[in-house]
Amino acid sequence: MQTEIKFAGFGGQGILLSAKLLAYAAMKQGSFVAWIPSYGPEMRGGTAYCTVVISDRLIGSPIIKNPTHLVAMNRPSLEKFENDVKPGGIIFINSSLIPVTSQRTDVTQLVVPVNDIAIKAGSVRAANIVALSAFAAKSNLVDLELLKECVKNEFAAKPKIIPLNMEAFDLGVKSAQTD
């Protein structure tokens, strides 16, 4: 079975890192993985999105027009990609920055105030970890403990911020379980 996830937001939100961490956890779990980043000319503030393909067989093409799931971190991303999501998929909405929900009735919506939760954890910069863990908890695509280890490994060179990211991770998981 193949699953495609599009992470989208503006530059500086950690979109590419979130997608990379999910891809890495899926790879460590034994899946075939493709990670395809895309971003505008501005590194901060421009549109950034990334597609992750997770499969139990070789991936024929990493180019996906209709992803299974969408993680939208800002309103322009939701508006641009929500109609591309396959019926039955998940549309994750960062309600801290997106004051609306999708009008789609054929998908599951996961609405989480990502930035607010990240601030509660200690820094808005951890919003991507909140979103990643909440989405992972809802989708069950990867083992959460394995994903948490991938997050720890990613920040191993900056050990002072690991506790912040672990708190953000746990709060993200909790937000998905209460939805």
N, C-alpha and C. Protein backbone atom coordinates (compact mmCIF):
# COMPACT_ATOMS: atom_id res chain seq x y z
N MET A 1 0.84 -1.18 0.00
CA MET A 1 0.00 0.00 0.00
C MET A 1 0.88 1.24 0.00
N GLN A 2 0.45 2.25 -0.73
CA GLN A 2 1.21 3.49 -0.83
C GLN A 2 0.39 4.64 -0.26
N THR A 3 1.05 5.50 0.51
CA THR A 3 0.43 6.68 1.10
C THR A 3 1.28 7.89 0.77
N GLU A 4 0.62 8.98 0.40
CA GLU A 4 1.34 10.21 0.09
C GLU A 4 0.87 11.32 1.03
N ILE A 5 1.82 12.08 1.53
CA ILE A 5 1.52 13.17 2.45
C ILE A 5 2.15 14.45 1.91
N LYS A 6 1.36 15.51 1.82
CA LYS A 6 1.90 16.81 1.43
C LYS A 6 1.92 17.69 2.68
N PHE A 7 3.11 18.16 3.04
CA PHE A 7 3.28 19.14 4.11
C PHE A 7 3.41 20.49 3.42
N ALA A 8 2.67 21.50 3.87
CA ALA A 8 2.72 22.80 3.20
C ALA A 8 2.57 23.93 4.20
N GLY A 9 3.27 25.02 3.92
CA GLY A 9 3.22 26.21 4.75
C GLY A 9 4.11 27.27 4.16
N PHE A 10 4.57 28.19 5.00
CA PHE A 10 5.50 29.19 4.50
C PHE A 10 6.90 28.87 5.01
N GLY A 11 7.89 29.38 4.28
CA GLY A 11 9.29 29.15 4.64
C GLY A 11 9.56 29.59 6.06
N GLY A 12 10.30 28.79 6.80
CA GLY A 12 10.62 29.11 8.18
C GLY A 12 9.76 28.36 9.19
N GLN A 13 8.73 27.65 8.71
CA GLN A 13 7.87 26.90 9.62
C GLN A 13 8.37 25.48 9.87
N GLY A 14 9.45 25.10 9.24
CA GLY A 14 9.98 23.76 9.45
C GLY A 14 9.25 22.68 8.66
N ILE A 15 8.66 23.08 7.55
CA ILE A 15 7.90 22.15 6.71
C ILE A 15 8.79 21.00 6.22
N LEU A 16 9.94 21.35 5.66
CA LEU A 16 10.82 20.33 5.09
C LEU A 16 11.35 19.40 6.17
N LEU A 17 11.66 19.95 7.34
CA LEU A 17 12.16 19.13 8.43
C LEU A 17 11.09 18.15 8.91
N SER A 18 9.86 18.60 9.07
CA SER A 18 8.78 17.71 9.50
C SER A 18 8.63 16.54 8.54
N ALA A 19 8.62 16.87 7.25
CA ALA A 19 8.47 15.82 6.23
C ALA A 19 9.66 14.87 6.26
N LYS A 20 10.85 15.42 6.43
CA LYS A 20 12.06 14.58 6.48
C LYS A 20 12.00 13.62 7.67
N LEU A 21 11.56 14.11 8.81
CA LEU A 21 11.47 13.26 10.00
C LEU A 21 10.46 12.13 9.82
N LEU A 22 9.32 12.43 9.20
CA LEU A 22 8.33 11.39 8.93
C LEU A 22 8.91 10.36 7.96
N ALA A 23 9.57 10.83 6.92
CA ALA A 23 10.17 9.94 5.93
C ALA A 23 11.24 9.06 6.58
N TYR A 24 12.04 9.65 7.44
CA TYR A 24 13.11 8.91 8.10
C TYR A 24 12.53 7.82 9.01
N ALA A 25 11.49 8.15 9.75
CA ALA A 25 10.86 7.15 10.63
C ALA A 25 10.26 6.01 9.81
N ALA A 26 9.62 6.35 8.71
CA ALA A 26 9.04 5.31 7.85
C ALA A 26 10.12 4.43 7.26
N MET A 27 11.24 5.04 6.89
CA MET A 27 12.36 4.27 6.34
C MET A 27 12.93 3.32 7.41
N LYS A 28 13.10 3.82 8.61
CA LYS A 28 13.61 2.99 9.71
C LYS A 28 12.65 1.85 10.04
N GLN A 29 11.38 2.04 9.72
CA GLN A 29 10.35 1.04 9.95
C GLN A 29 10.36 -0.03 8.86
N GLY A 30 11.12 0.22 7.79
CA GLY A 30 11.24 -0.76 6.72
C GLY A 30 10.46 -0.43 5.46
N SER A 31 9.87 0.74 5.39
CA SER A 31 9.09 1.13 4.21
C SER A 31 10.00 1.73 3.14
N PHE A 32 9.53 1.70 1.91
CA PHE A 32 10.16 2.45 0.84
C PHE A 32 9.67 3.88 0.98
N VAL A 33 10.57 4.85 0.75
CA VAL A 33 10.23 6.25 1.00
C VAL A 33 10.78 7.15 -0.10
N ALA A 34 10.01 8.17 -0.45
CA ALA A 34 10.49 9.26 -1.30
C ALA A 34 10.17 10.57 -0.58
N TRP A 35 11.11 11.50 -0.62
CA TRP A 35 10.97 12.81 0.04
C TRP A 35 11.30 13.86 -1.02
N ILE A 36 10.32 14.65 -1.40
CA ILE A 36 10.51 15.63 -2.48
C ILE A 36 10.16 17.03 -1.97
N PRO A 37 11.18 17.86 -1.68
CA PRO A 37 10.90 19.22 -1.21
C PRO A 37 10.66 20.18 -2.37
N SER A 38 9.94 21.25 -2.09
CA SER A 38 9.73 22.32 -3.07
C SER A 38 9.52 23.60 -2.29
N TYR A 39 10.17 24.65 -2.70
CA TYR A 39 10.00 25.93 -2.02
C TYR A 39 10.24 27.07 -2.99
N GLY A 40 9.64 28.21 -2.68
CA GLY A 40 9.77 29.39 -3.52
C GLY A 40 11.14 30.02 -3.39
N PRO A 41 11.36 31.13 -4.07
CA PRO A 41 12.68 31.77 -4.06
C PRO A 41 13.07 32.34 -2.70
N GLU A 42 12.09 32.64 -1.86
CA GLU A 42 12.42 33.16 -0.54
C GLU A 42 12.56 32.00 0.43
N MET A 43 13.62 31.98 1.19
CA MET A 43 13.81 30.92 2.17
C MET A 43 12.92 31.13 3.39
N ARG A 44 12.63 32.37 3.71
CA ARG A 44 11.77 32.67 4.86
C ARG A 44 10.56 33.44 4.36
N GLY A 45 9.40 32.92 4.59
CA GLY A 45 8.19 33.62 4.22
C GLY A 45 7.56 33.17 2.92
N GLY A 46 8.35 32.62 2.00
CA GLY A 46 7.79 32.12 0.74
C GLY A 46 7.10 30.78 0.97
N THR A 47 6.36 30.34 -0.02
CA THR A 47 5.66 29.07 0.09
C THR A 47 6.66 27.92 0.06
N ALA A 48 6.45 26.98 0.95
CA ALA A 48 7.27 25.77 0.98
C ALA A 48 6.33 24.58 1.11
N TYR A 49 6.62 23.53 0.37
CA TYR A 49 5.87 22.30 0.57
C TYR A 49 6.77 21.12 0.26
N CYS A 50 6.36 19.99 0.74
CA CYS A 50 7.17 18.80 0.62
C CYS A 50 6.23 17.60 0.56
N THR A 51 6.52 16.68 -0.35
CA THR A 51 5.73 15.47 -0.47
C THR A 51 6.54 14.29 0.04
N VAL A 52 5.90 13.48 0.85
CA VAL A 52 6.51 12.25 1.34
C VAL A 52 5.65 11.10 0.82
N VAL A 53 6.29 10.12 0.20
CA VAL A 53 5.61 8.93 -0.27
C VAL A 53 6.13 7.77 0.57
N ILE A 54 5.22 7.03 1.17
CA ILE A 54 5.57 5.88 2.00
C ILE A 54 4.88 4.66 1.38
N SER A 55 5.65 3.61 1.13
CA SER A 55 5.07 2.45 0.46
C SER A 55 5.69 1.15 0.96
N ASP A 56 4.95 0.06 0.79
CA ASP A 56 5.47 -1.26 1.13
C ASP A 56 6.09 -1.93 -0.10
N ARG A 57 6.14 -1.21 -1.22
CA ARG A 57 6.76 -1.71 -2.44
C ARG A 57 7.56 -0.57 -3.07
N LEU A 58 8.34 -0.87 -4.10
CA LEU A 58 9.10 0.16 -4.78
C LEU A 58 8.17 1.27 -5.27
N ILE A 59 8.63 2.50 -5.19
CA ILE A 59 7.83 3.66 -5.58
C ILE A 59 8.10 3.96 -7.05
N GLY A 60 7.03 3.90 -7.85
CA GLY A 60 7.17 4.13 -9.29
C GLY A 60 7.53 5.56 -9.64
N SER A 61 6.87 6.51 -8.99
CA SER A 61 7.14 7.92 -9.23
C SER A 61 6.88 8.70 -7.95
N PRO A 62 7.81 9.57 -7.59
CA PRO A 62 7.59 10.39 -6.37
C PRO A 62 6.73 11.62 -6.63
N ILE A 63 6.36 11.86 -7.89
CA ILE A 63 5.55 13.02 -8.23
C ILE A 63 4.08 12.66 -8.02
N ILE A 64 3.43 13.37 -7.12
CA ILE A 64 2.06 13.06 -6.72
C ILE A 64 1.17 14.27 -6.94
N LYS A 65 0.10 14.09 -7.71
CA LYS A 65 -0.87 15.17 -7.92
C LYS A 65 -1.94 15.17 -6.83
N ASN A 66 -2.36 13.98 -6.40
CA ASN A 66 -3.41 13.86 -5.40
C ASN A 66 -2.91 13.08 -4.20
N PRO A 67 -2.41 13.78 -3.18
CA PRO A 67 -1.91 13.09 -1.99
C PRO A 67 -3.03 12.47 -1.17
N THR A 68 -2.67 11.50 -0.38
CA THR A 68 -3.62 10.86 0.52
C THR A 68 -3.98 11.82 1.66
N HIS A 69 -2.97 12.57 2.14
CA HIS A 69 -3.13 13.45 3.30
C HIS A 69 -2.48 14.81 3.04
N LEU A 70 -2.94 15.82 3.76
CA LEU A 70 -2.37 17.17 3.70
C LEU A 70 -2.15 17.68 5.11
N VAL A 71 -0.96 18.22 5.37
CA VAL A 71 -0.67 18.93 6.61
C VAL A 71 -0.50 20.40 6.21
N ALA A 72 -1.51 21.21 6.50
CA ALA A 72 -1.51 22.63 6.10
C ALA A 72 -1.17 23.49 7.31
N MET A 73 -0.07 24.21 7.22
CA MET A 73 0.37 25.04 8.33
C MET A 73 -0.04 26.51 8.19
N ASN A 74 -0.55 26.91 7.01
CA ASN A 74 -1.07 28.27 6.84
C ASN A 74 -2.23 28.25 5.85
N ARG A 75 -2.99 29.32 5.85
CA ARG A 75 -4.22 29.36 5.05
C ARG A 75 -3.99 29.23 3.54
N PRO A 76 -2.99 29.94 2.98
CA PRO A 76 -2.76 29.78 1.53
C PRO A 76 -2.49 28.31 1.15
N SER A 77 -1.83 27.58 2.01
CA SER A 77 -1.55 26.17 1.73
C SER A 77 -2.82 25.34 1.76
N LEU A 78 -3.67 25.60 2.73
CA LEU A 78 -4.96 24.88 2.79
C LEU A 78 -5.76 25.16 1.53
N GLU A 79 -5.87 26.44 1.18
CA GLU A 79 -6.68 26.81 0.02
C GLU A 79 -6.11 26.24 -1.28
N LYS A 80 -4.81 26.17 -1.38
CA LYS A 80 -4.17 25.69 -2.61
C LYS A 80 -4.28 24.17 -2.77
N PHE A 81 -4.17 23.42 -1.67
CA PHE A 81 -4.04 21.97 -1.79
C PHE A 81 -5.21 21.13 -1.28
N GLU A 82 -6.17 21.72 -0.56
CA GLU A 82 -7.21 20.90 0.07
C GLU A 82 -8.02 20.08 -0.93
N ASN A 83 -8.28 20.62 -2.10
CA ASN A 83 -9.09 19.89 -3.08
C ASN A 83 -8.32 18.78 -3.79
N ASP A 84 -7.01 18.75 -3.61
CA ASP A 84 -6.19 17.69 -4.22
C ASP A 84 -6.20 16.40 -3.40
N VAL A 85 -6.55 16.49 -2.12
CA VAL A 85 -6.49 15.33 -1.23
C VAL A 85 -7.52 14.29 -1.64
N LYS A 86 -7.08 13.04 -1.66
CA LYS A 86 -7.97 11.93 -2.02
C LYS A 86 -9.09 11.78 -0.98
N PRO A 87 -10.28 11.41 -1.43
CA PRO A 87 -11.35 11.11 -0.47
C PRO A 87 -10.90 10.05 0.53
N GLY A 88 -11.27 10.25 1.79
CA GLY A 88 -10.87 9.32 2.84
C GLY A 88 -9.57 9.70 3.52
N GLY A 89 -8.88 10.72 3.01
CA GLY A 89 -7.62 11.15 3.60
C GLY A 89 -7.82 12.06 4.80
N ILE A 90 -6.71 12.56 5.29
CA ILE A 90 -6.71 13.48 6.44
C ILE A 90 -6.25 14.85 5.96
N ILE A 91 -6.98 15.88 6.35
CA ILE A 91 -6.52 17.25 6.17
C ILE A 91 -6.26 17.80 7.56
N PHE A 92 -4.97 18.06 7.83
CA PHE A 92 -4.53 18.62 9.11
C PHE A 92 -4.52 20.13 8.96
N ILE A 93 -5.14 20.84 9.88
CA ILE A 93 -5.24 22.30 9.82
C ILE A 93 -4.66 22.92 11.08
N ASN A 94 -3.68 23.81 10.89
CA ASN A 94 -3.09 24.57 11.99
C ASN A 94 -4.03 25.73 12.30
N SER A 95 -4.93 25.52 13.26
CA SER A 95 -5.95 26.53 13.55
C SER A 95 -5.40 27.79 14.20
N SER A 96 -4.13 27.78 14.61
CA SER A 96 -3.53 29.01 15.12
C SER A 96 -3.39 30.05 14.01
N LEU A 97 -3.20 29.59 12.77
CA LEU A 97 -3.00 30.49 11.64
C LEU A 97 -4.09 30.36 10.58
N ILE A 98 -4.95 29.36 10.70
CA ILE A 98 -6.00 29.14 9.71
C ILE A 98 -7.35 29.23 10.42
N PRO A 99 -8.07 30.34 10.26
CA PRO A 99 -9.33 30.53 11.00
C PRO A 99 -10.53 29.82 10.37
N VAL A 100 -10.29 29.01 9.35
CA VAL A 100 -11.38 28.29 8.68
C VAL A 100 -11.06 26.81 8.65
N THR A 101 -12.05 26.00 8.30
CA THR A 101 -11.81 24.58 8.07
C THR A 101 -12.14 24.29 6.61
N SER A 102 -11.85 23.10 6.19
CA SER A 102 -12.16 22.68 4.83
C SER A 102 -13.66 22.44 4.69
N GLN A 103 -14.17 22.69 3.53
CA GLN A 103 -15.58 22.42 3.25
C GLN A 103 -15.79 20.97 2.81
N ARG A 104 -14.70 20.21 2.72
CA ARG A 104 -14.78 18.82 2.28
C ARG A 104 -15.46 17.96 3.34
N THR A 105 -16.34 17.09 2.90
CA THR A 105 -17.01 16.17 3.82
C THR A 105 -16.54 14.74 3.61
N ASP A 106 -15.66 14.53 2.63
CA ASP A 106 -15.19 13.18 2.32
C ASP A 106 -13.79 12.91 2.86
N VAL A 107 -13.33 13.74 3.78
CA VAL A 107 -12.02 13.58 4.42
C VAL A 107 -12.18 13.74 5.93
N THR A 108 -11.17 13.30 6.66
CA THR A 108 -11.12 13.54 8.10
C THR A 108 -10.33 14.82 8.31
N GLN A 109 -10.88 15.73 9.09
CA GLN A 109 -10.16 16.96 9.41
C GLN A 109 -9.60 16.87 10.82
N LEU A 110 -8.35 17.21 10.95
CA LEU A 110 -7.70 17.29 12.25
C LEU A 110 -7.31 18.74 12.45
N VAL A 111 -8.01 19.43 13.33
CA VAL A 111 -7.81 20.86 13.55
C VAL A 111 -7.12 21.05 14.89
N VAL A 112 -5.89 21.57 14.84
CA VAL A 112 -5.06 21.69 16.03
C VAL A 112 -4.44 23.09 16.09
N PRO A 113 -4.51 23.77 17.23
CA PRO A 113 -3.87 25.09 17.37
C PRO A 113 -2.36 24.93 17.59
N VAL A 114 -1.67 24.58 16.54
CA VAL A 114 -0.27 24.18 16.59
C VAL A 114 0.62 25.23 17.23
N ASN A 115 0.52 26.47 16.77
CA ASN A 115 1.40 27.52 17.31
C ASN A 115 1.14 27.75 18.80
N ASP A 116 -0.12 27.74 19.20
CA ASP A 116 -0.47 27.93 20.62
C ASP A 116 0.12 26.81 21.48
N ILE A 117 0.03 25.59 20.99
CA ILE A 117 0.58 24.44 21.73
C ILE A 117 2.10 24.54 21.81
N ALA A 118 2.73 24.95 20.71
CA ALA A 118 4.19 25.09 20.70
C ALA A 118 4.64 26.16 21.71
N ILE A 119 3.90 27.25 21.79
CA ILE A 119 4.23 28.30 22.77
C ILE A 119 4.10 27.74 24.18
N LYS A 120 3.06 26.95 24.41
CA LYS A 120 2.87 26.30 25.72
C LYS A 120 4.05 25.38 26.05
N ALA A 121 4.59 24.73 25.02
CA ALA A 121 5.74 23.83 25.21
C ALA A 121 7.03 24.61 25.47
N GLY A 122 7.07 25.88 25.03
CA GLY A 122 8.26 26.68 25.30
C GLY A 122 8.75 27.55 24.16
N SER A 123 8.31 27.27 22.92
CA SER A 123 8.74 28.10 21.79
C SER A 123 7.87 27.83 20.57
N VAL A 124 7.46 28.88 19.90
CA VAL A 124 6.67 28.74 18.68
C VAL A 124 7.48 28.02 17.60
N ARG A 125 8.79 28.02 17.73
CA ARG A 125 9.64 27.34 16.73
C ARG A 125 9.43 25.83 16.73
N ALA A 126 8.79 25.29 17.76
CA ALA A 126 8.51 23.85 17.82
C ALA A 126 7.15 23.50 17.21
N ALA A 127 6.52 24.46 16.54
CA ALA A 127 5.20 24.21 15.95
C ALA A 127 5.22 23.05 14.97
N ASN A 128 6.31 22.93 14.21
CA ASN A 128 6.38 21.84 13.24
C ASN A 128 6.41 20.47 13.92
N ILE A 129 7.01 20.39 15.09
CA ILE A 129 7.06 19.12 15.82
C ILE A 129 5.68 18.80 16.39
N VAL A 130 4.96 19.80 16.84
CA VAL A 130 3.59 19.60 17.31
C VAL A 130 2.74 19.05 16.16
N ALA A 131 2.83 19.70 15.00
CA ALA A 131 2.04 19.27 13.84
C ALA A 131 2.42 17.86 13.40
N LEU A 132 3.71 17.60 13.34
CA LEU A 132 4.19 16.28 12.93
C LEU A 132 3.66 15.18 13.84
N SER A 133 3.79 15.37 15.14
CA SER A 133 3.39 14.32 16.07
C SER A 133 1.86 14.16 16.10
N ALA A 134 1.14 15.26 15.99
CA ALA A 134 -0.33 15.17 15.97
C ALA A 134 -0.78 14.42 14.72
N PHE A 135 -0.21 14.78 13.58
CA PHE A 135 -0.57 14.09 12.34
C PHE A 135 -0.19 12.61 12.41
N ALA A 136 0.99 12.32 12.91
CA ALA A 136 1.44 10.92 13.01
C ALA A 136 0.53 10.12 13.94
N ALA A 137 0.09 10.73 15.03
CA ALA A 137 -0.80 10.04 15.97
C ALA A 137 -2.15 9.74 15.31
N LYS A 138 -2.65 10.67 14.52
CA LYS A 138 -3.95 10.49 13.87
C LYS A 138 -3.89 9.50 12.71
N SER A 139 -2.81 9.55 11.94
CA SER A 139 -2.70 8.74 10.73
C SER A 139 -2.19 7.33 10.97
N ASN A 140 -1.47 7.12 12.06
CA ASN A 140 -0.88 5.81 12.36
C ASN A 140 0.05 5.30 11.26
N LEU A 141 0.72 6.20 10.57
CA LEU A 141 1.62 5.80 9.49
C LEU A 141 2.95 5.26 9.99
N VAL A 142 3.39 5.77 11.13
CA VAL A 142 4.66 5.32 11.71
C VAL A 142 4.49 5.11 13.21
N ASP A 143 5.36 4.31 13.77
CA ASP A 143 5.37 4.10 15.21
C ASP A 143 5.78 5.41 15.90
N LEU A 144 5.00 5.86 16.86
CA LEU A 144 5.27 7.15 17.51
C LEU A 144 6.58 7.17 18.28
N GLU A 145 6.92 6.07 18.92
CA GLU A 145 8.19 6.04 19.66
C GLU A 145 9.38 6.11 18.72
N LEU A 146 9.27 5.46 17.57
CA LEU A 146 10.33 5.52 16.57
C LEU A 146 10.46 6.94 16.02
N LEU A 147 9.33 7.58 15.76
CA LEU A 147 9.35 8.96 15.29
C LEU A 147 9.96 9.89 16.33
N LYS A 148 9.63 9.65 17.58
CA LYS A 148 10.19 10.47 18.67
C LYS A 148 11.71 10.32 18.72
N GLU A 149 12.20 9.11 18.51
CA GLU A 149 13.66 8.88 18.47
C GLU A 149 14.29 9.61 17.29
N CYS A 150 13.60 9.66 16.17
CA CYS A 150 14.11 10.39 15.01
C CYS A 150 14.22 11.89 15.31
N VAL A 151 13.24 12.42 16.04
CA VAL A 151 13.28 13.83 16.43
C VAL A 151 14.48 14.06 17.36
N LYS A 152 14.67 13.18 18.34
CA LYS A 152 15.82 13.31 19.25
C LYS A 152 17.13 13.28 18.46
N ASN A 153 17.24 12.36 17.52
CA ASN A 153 18.46 12.25 16.72
C ASN A 153 18.71 13.49 15.88
N GLU A 154 17.64 14.06 15.36
CA GLU A 154 17.77 15.26 14.54
C GLU A 154 18.37 16.42 15.33
N PHE A 155 18.02 16.51 16.60
CA PHE A 155 18.49 17.62 17.43
C PHE A 155 19.65 17.22 18.35
N ALA A 156 20.28 16.10 18.09
CA ALA A 156 21.37 15.61 18.94
C ALA A 156 22.52 16.61 19.06
N ALA A 157 22.76 17.38 18.02
CA ALA A 157 23.84 18.37 18.06
C ALA A 157 23.46 19.61 18.88
N LYS A 158 22.19 19.74 19.22
CA LYS A 158 21.70 20.85 20.03
C LYS A 158 20.94 20.27 21.22
N PRO A 159 21.63 19.62 22.15
CA PRO A 159 20.93 18.90 23.22
C PRO A 159 20.06 19.78 24.11
N LYS A 160 20.33 21.08 24.16
CA LYS A 160 19.52 21.95 25.02
C LYS A 160 18.08 22.10 24.53
N ILE A 161 17.85 21.87 23.24
CA ILE A 161 16.48 22.03 22.73
C ILE A 161 15.73 20.70 22.62
N ILE A 162 16.36 19.61 22.96
CA ILE A 162 15.66 18.32 22.91
C ILE A 162 14.48 18.28 23.88
N PRO A 163 14.62 18.72 25.14
CA PRO A 163 13.45 18.68 26.03
C PRO A 163 12.25 19.49 25.49
N LEU A 164 12.51 20.65 24.91
CA LEU A 164 11.45 21.46 24.31
C LEU A 164 10.74 20.67 23.22
N ASN A 165 11.51 20.04 22.34
CA ASN A 165 10.91 19.29 21.24
C ASN A 165 10.20 18.04 21.72
N MET A 166 10.66 17.42 22.79
CA MET A 166 9.96 16.26 23.35
C MET A 166 8.62 16.68 23.96
N GLU A 167 8.61 17.83 24.62
CA GLU A 167 7.36 18.37 25.17
C GLU A 167 6.39 18.70 24.04
N ALA A 168 6.90 19.35 22.98
CA ALA A 168 6.06 19.68 21.83
C ALA A 168 5.51 18.41 21.18
N PHE A 169 6.35 17.39 21.07
CA PHE A 169 5.94 16.11 20.50
C PHE A 169 4.79 15.51 21.30
N ASP A 170 4.98 15.43 22.61
CA ASP A 170 3.96 14.83 23.48
C ASP A 170 2.64 15.60 23.46
N LEU A 171 2.74 16.93 23.45
CA LEU A 171 1.52 17.75 23.40
C LEU A 171 0.81 17.60 22.05
N GLY A 172 1.58 17.43 20.99
CA GLY A 172 0.99 17.20 19.67
C GLY A 172 0.22 15.89 19.63
N VAL A 173 0.83 14.84 20.15
CA VAL A 173 0.17 13.53 20.21
C VAL A 173 -1.13 13.65 21.01
N LYS A 174 -1.04 14.31 22.15
CA LYS A 174 -2.22 14.47 23.02
C LYS A 174 -3.33 15.24 22.30
N SER A 175 -2.97 16.25 21.53
CA SER A 175 -3.99 17.05 20.81
C SER A 175 -4.72 16.21 19.77
N ALA A 176 -4.05 15.27 19.17
CA ALA A 176 -4.69 14.41 18.16
C ALA A 176 -5.60 13.39 18.81
N GLN A 177 -5.25 12.97 20.01
CA GLN A 177 -6.03 11.95 20.70
C GLN A 177 -7.30 12.52 21.33
N THR A 178 -7.33 13.83 21.54
CA THR A 178 -8.51 14.45 22.12
C THR A 178 -9.45 15.00 21.07
N ASP A 179 -9.00 15.00 19.82
CA ASP A 179 -9.84 15.53 18.72
C ASP A 179 -10.95 14.56 18.38
